[in-house]
Amino acid sequence: MLGPCAPDYLTPKVKIEELAAMANGWAPDSAVQDQIDATIMDAVFAARSRLPSGEGSTDCEVCGDEIPAKRRTAIPGVRTCVACQSERDKRPTFTGINRRGSKDSQLR
């Protein structure tokens, strides 16, 4: 420990902002939130891309039952009935995006 009489060139003069920057690895303060926002936006775009488009069907492509008119009106381009779509939605979906920073998560 340096005493009160230590020369100026031996006394550390580091600003609080510099210490904060070193503590978070030189990343901006909003880096974690930016990463979360990007992940959410990717999920929204992926979900929107899976929405039906084009001309819909009057009969379900999976079971052949008639799709109710109210469903066809509510979801333009729909091709499955409620029961079949519910079963499809239960299946897990995986995205190829890994934004976690640990090396272990990238090795999987």
C-alpha atoms as a PDB file:
ATOM      1  CA  MET A   1       0.000   0.000   0.000  1.00  0.00           C
ATOM      2  CA  LEU A   2       1.314   3.410  -0.918  1.00  0.00           C
ATOM      3  CA  GLY A   3       1.493   6.019   1.790  1.00  0.00           C
ATOM      4  CA  PRO A   4       0.097   9.551   1.663  1.00  0.00           C
ATOM      5  CA  CYS A   5       3.504  10.899   0.602  1.00  0.00           C
ATOM      6  CA  ALA A   6       3.837   8.692  -2.507  1.00  0.00           C
ATOM      7  CA  PRO A   7       4.772  10.556  -5.707  1.00  0.00           C
ATOM      8  CA  ASP A   8       1.927  11.325  -8.164  1.00  0.00           C
ATOM      9  CA  TYR A   9       3.201   8.924 -10.816  1.00  0.00           C
ATOM     10  CA  LEU A  10       2.734   6.005  -8.385  1.00  0.00           C
ATOM     11  CA  THR A  11      -0.783   6.942  -7.325  1.00  0.00           C
ATOM     12  CA  PRO A  12      -3.445   5.288  -9.483  1.00  0.00           C
ATOM     13  CA  LYS A  13      -5.798   7.814 -11.032  1.00  0.00           C
ATOM     14  CA  VAL A  14      -8.490   5.681 -12.654  1.00  0.00           C
ATOM     15  CA  LYS A  15     -11.898   7.150 -13.283  1.00  0.00           C
ATOM     16  CA  ILE A  16     -15.005   5.359 -12.030  1.00  0.00           C
ATOM     17  CA  GLU A  17     -16.273   5.067 -15.634  1.00  0.00           C
ATOM     18  CA  GLU A  18     -13.089   3.241 -16.645  1.00  0.00           C
ATOM     19  CA  LEU A  19     -13.484   0.800 -13.755  1.00  0.00           C
ATOM     20  CA  ALA A  20     -17.093   0.163 -14.720  1.00  0.00           C
ATOM     21  CA  ALA A  21     -16.080  -0.461 -18.319  1.00  0.00           C
ATOM     22  CA  MET A  22     -13.417  -2.931 -17.209  1.00  0.00           C
ATOM     23  CA  ALA A  23     -15.866  -4.698 -14.896  1.00  0.00           C
ATOM     24  CA  ASN A  24     -18.362  -5.484 -17.659  1.00  0.00           C
ATOM     25  CA  GLY A  25     -15.797  -6.520 -20.255  1.00  0.00           C
ATOM     26  CA  TRP A  26     -15.921  -3.308 -22.300  1.00  0.00           C
ATOM     27  CA  ALA A  27     -19.483  -4.026 -23.392  1.00  0.00           C
ATOM     28  CA  PRO A  28     -22.028  -1.217 -23.301  1.00  0.00           C
ATOM     29  CA  ASP A  29     -24.413  -1.154 -20.359  1.00  0.00           C
ATOM     30  CA  SER A  30     -27.324  -2.161 -22.551  1.00  0.00           C
ATOM     31  CA  ALA A  31     -25.618  -5.199 -24.137  1.00  0.00           C
ATOM     32  CA  VAL A  32     -27.603  -7.797 -22.201  1.00  0.00           C
ATOM     33  CA  GLN A  33     -30.918  -6.080 -22.905  1.00  0.00           C
ATOM     34  CA  ASP A  34     -29.970  -5.702 -26.579  1.00  0.00           C
ATOM     35  CA  GLN A  35     -29.300  -9.430 -26.730  1.00  0.00           C
ATOM     36  CA  ILE A  36     -32.663 -10.220 -25.111  1.00  0.00           C
ATOM     37  CA  ASP A  37     -34.465  -7.855 -27.503  1.00  0.00           C
ATOM     38  CA  ALA A  38     -32.758  -9.445 -30.527  1.00  0.00           C
ATOM     39  CA  THR A  39     -33.745 -12.929 -29.360  1.00  0.00           C
ATOM     40  CA  ILE A  40     -37.367 -11.871 -28.908  1.00  0.00           C
ATOM     41  CA  MET A  41     -37.474 -10.180 -32.314  1.00  0.00           C
ATOM     42  CA  ASP A  42     -36.045 -13.322 -33.959  1.00  0.00           C
ATOM     43  CA  ALA A  43     -38.753 -15.398 -32.286  1.00  0.00           C
ATOM     44  CA  VAL A  44     -41.480 -12.972 -33.432  1.00  0.00           C
ATOM     45  CA  PHE A  45     -40.205 -13.041 -37.030  1.00  0.00           C
ATOM     46  CA  ALA A  46     -40.007 -16.848 -36.940  1.00  0.00           C
ATOM     47  CA  ALA A  47     -43.562 -17.100 -35.603  1.00  0.00           C
ATOM     48  CA  ARG A  48     -44.854 -14.685 -38.243  1.00  0.00           C
ATOM     49  CA  SER A  49     -43.135 -16.669 -40.981  1.00  0.00           C
ATOM     50  CA  ARG A  50     -45.019 -19.783 -39.866  1.00  0.00           C
ATOM     51  CA  LEU A  51     -48.413 -18.084 -40.097  1.00  0.00           C
ATOM     52  CA  PRO A  52     -50.515 -19.348 -42.982  1.00  0.00           C
ATOM     53  CA  SER A  53     -50.564 -17.250 -46.114  1.00  0.00           C
ATOM     54  CA  GLY A  54     -52.189 -17.472 -49.491  1.00  0.00           C
ATOM     55  CA  GLU A  55     -55.478 -19.119 -50.202  1.00  0.00           C
ATOM     56  CA  GLY A  56     -56.883 -21.163 -47.344  1.00  0.00           C
ATOM     57  CA  SER A  57     -58.730 -24.442 -47.430  1.00  0.00           C
ATOM     58  CA  THR A  58     -62.301 -25.308 -46.526  1.00  0.00           C
ATOM     59  CA  ASP A  59     -61.236 -28.754 -45.304  1.00  0.00           C
ATOM     60  CA  CYS A  60     -58.423 -29.635 -42.884  1.00  0.00           C
ATOM     61  CA  GLU A  61     -55.313 -30.942 -44.644  1.00  0.00           C
ATOM     62  CA  VAL A  62     -54.623 -33.372 -41.780  1.00  0.00           C
ATOM     63  CA  CYS A  63     -57.958 -34.969 -40.870  1.00  0.00           C
ATOM     64  CA  GLY A  64     -60.240 -33.838 -43.711  1.00  0.00           C
ATOM     65  CA  ASP A  65     -62.888 -32.268 -41.441  1.00  0.00           C
ATOM     66  CA  GLU A  66     -64.468 -28.987 -42.494  1.00  0.00           C
ATOM     67  CA  ILE A  67     -62.791 -25.857 -41.118  1.00  0.00           C
ATOM     68  CA  PRO A  68     -65.443 -23.555 -39.569  1.00  0.00           C
ATOM     69  CA  ALA A  69     -66.144 -20.347 -41.490  1.00  0.00           C
ATOM     70  CA  LYS A  70     -65.333 -18.212 -38.430  1.00  0.00           C
ATOM     71  CA  ARG A  71     -61.850 -19.777 -38.236  1.00  0.00           C
ATOM     72  CA  ARG A  72     -61.265 -19.211 -41.954  1.00  0.00           C
ATOM     73  CA  THR A  73     -62.321 -15.569 -41.520  1.00  0.00           C
ATOM     74  CA  ALA A  74     -60.165 -15.037 -38.410  1.00  0.00           C
ATOM     75  CA  ILE A  75     -57.042 -16.641 -39.903  1.00  0.00           C
ATOM     76  CA  PRO A  76     -56.749 -16.049 -43.645  1.00  0.00           C
ATOM     77  CA  GLY A  77     -54.902 -18.899 -45.323  1.00  0.00           C
ATOM     78  CA  VAL A  78     -55.693 -21.445 -42.608  1.00  0.00           C
ATOM     79  CA  ARG A  79     -55.290 -25.076 -43.679  1.00  0.00           C
ATOM     80  CA  THR A  80     -55.930 -27.037 -40.466  1.00  0.00           C
ATOM     81  CA  CYS A  81     -58.829 -27.365 -38.042  1.00  0.00           C
ATOM     82  CA  VAL A  82     -58.498 -26.302 -34.406  1.00  0.00           C
ATOM     83  CA  ALA A  83     -57.913 -29.852 -33.121  1.00  0.00           C
ATOM     84  CA  CYS A  84     -55.145 -30.640 -35.619  1.00  0.00           C
ATOM     85  CA  GLN A  85     -53.488 -27.253 -35.132  1.00  0.00           C
ATOM     86  CA  SER A  86     -53.557 -27.757 -31.347  1.00  0.00           C
ATOM     87  CA  GLU A  87     -51.743 -31.073 -31.757  1.00  0.00           C
ATOM     88  CA  ARG A  88     -49.216 -29.458 -34.080  1.00  0.00           C
ATOM     89  CA  ASP A  89     -48.598 -26.640 -31.587  1.00  0.00           C
ATOM     90  CA  LYS A  90     -47.758 -29.143 -28.833  1.00  0.00           C
ATOM     91  CA  ARG A  91     -44.694 -30.350 -30.724  1.00  0.00           C
ATOM     92  CA  PRO A  92     -41.495 -28.633 -29.616  1.00  0.00           C
ATOM     93  CA  THR A  93     -39.746 -26.350 -32.063  1.00  0.00           C
ATOM     94  CA  PHE A  94     -36.056 -25.604 -31.974  1.00  0.00           C
ATOM     95  CA  THR A  95     -34.263 -22.621 -33.382  1.00  0.00           C
ATOM     96  CA  GLY A  96     -30.667 -22.691 -34.487  1.00  0.00           C
ATOM     97  CA  ILE A  97     -29.837 -19.403 -32.772  1.00  0.00           C
ATOM     98  CA  ASN A  98     -27.658 -19.584 -29.676  1.00  0.00           C
ATOM     99  CA  ARG A  99     -26.890 -16.230 -28.143  1.00  0.00           C
ATOM    100  CA  ARG A 100     -25.720 -17.510 -24.779  1.00  0.00           C
ATOM    101  CA  GLY A 101     -22.144 -16.563 -24.094  1.00  0.00           C
ATOM    102  CA  SER A 102     -20.798 -19.659 -22.392  1.00  0.00           C
ATOM    103  CA  LYS A 103     -18.562 -21.982 -24.349  1.00  0.00           C
ATOM    104  CA  ASP A 104     -20.438 -25.006 -22.976  1.00  0.00           C
ATOM    105  CA  SER A 105     -23.679 -23.887 -24.605  1.00  0.00           C
ATOM    106  CA  GLN A 106     -21.933 -23.484 -27.962  1.00  0.00           C
ATOM    107  CA  LEU A 107     -20.451 -26.990 -27.830  1.00  0.00           C
ATOM    108  CA  ARG A 108     -23.862 -28.650 -27.632  1.00  0.00           C
END
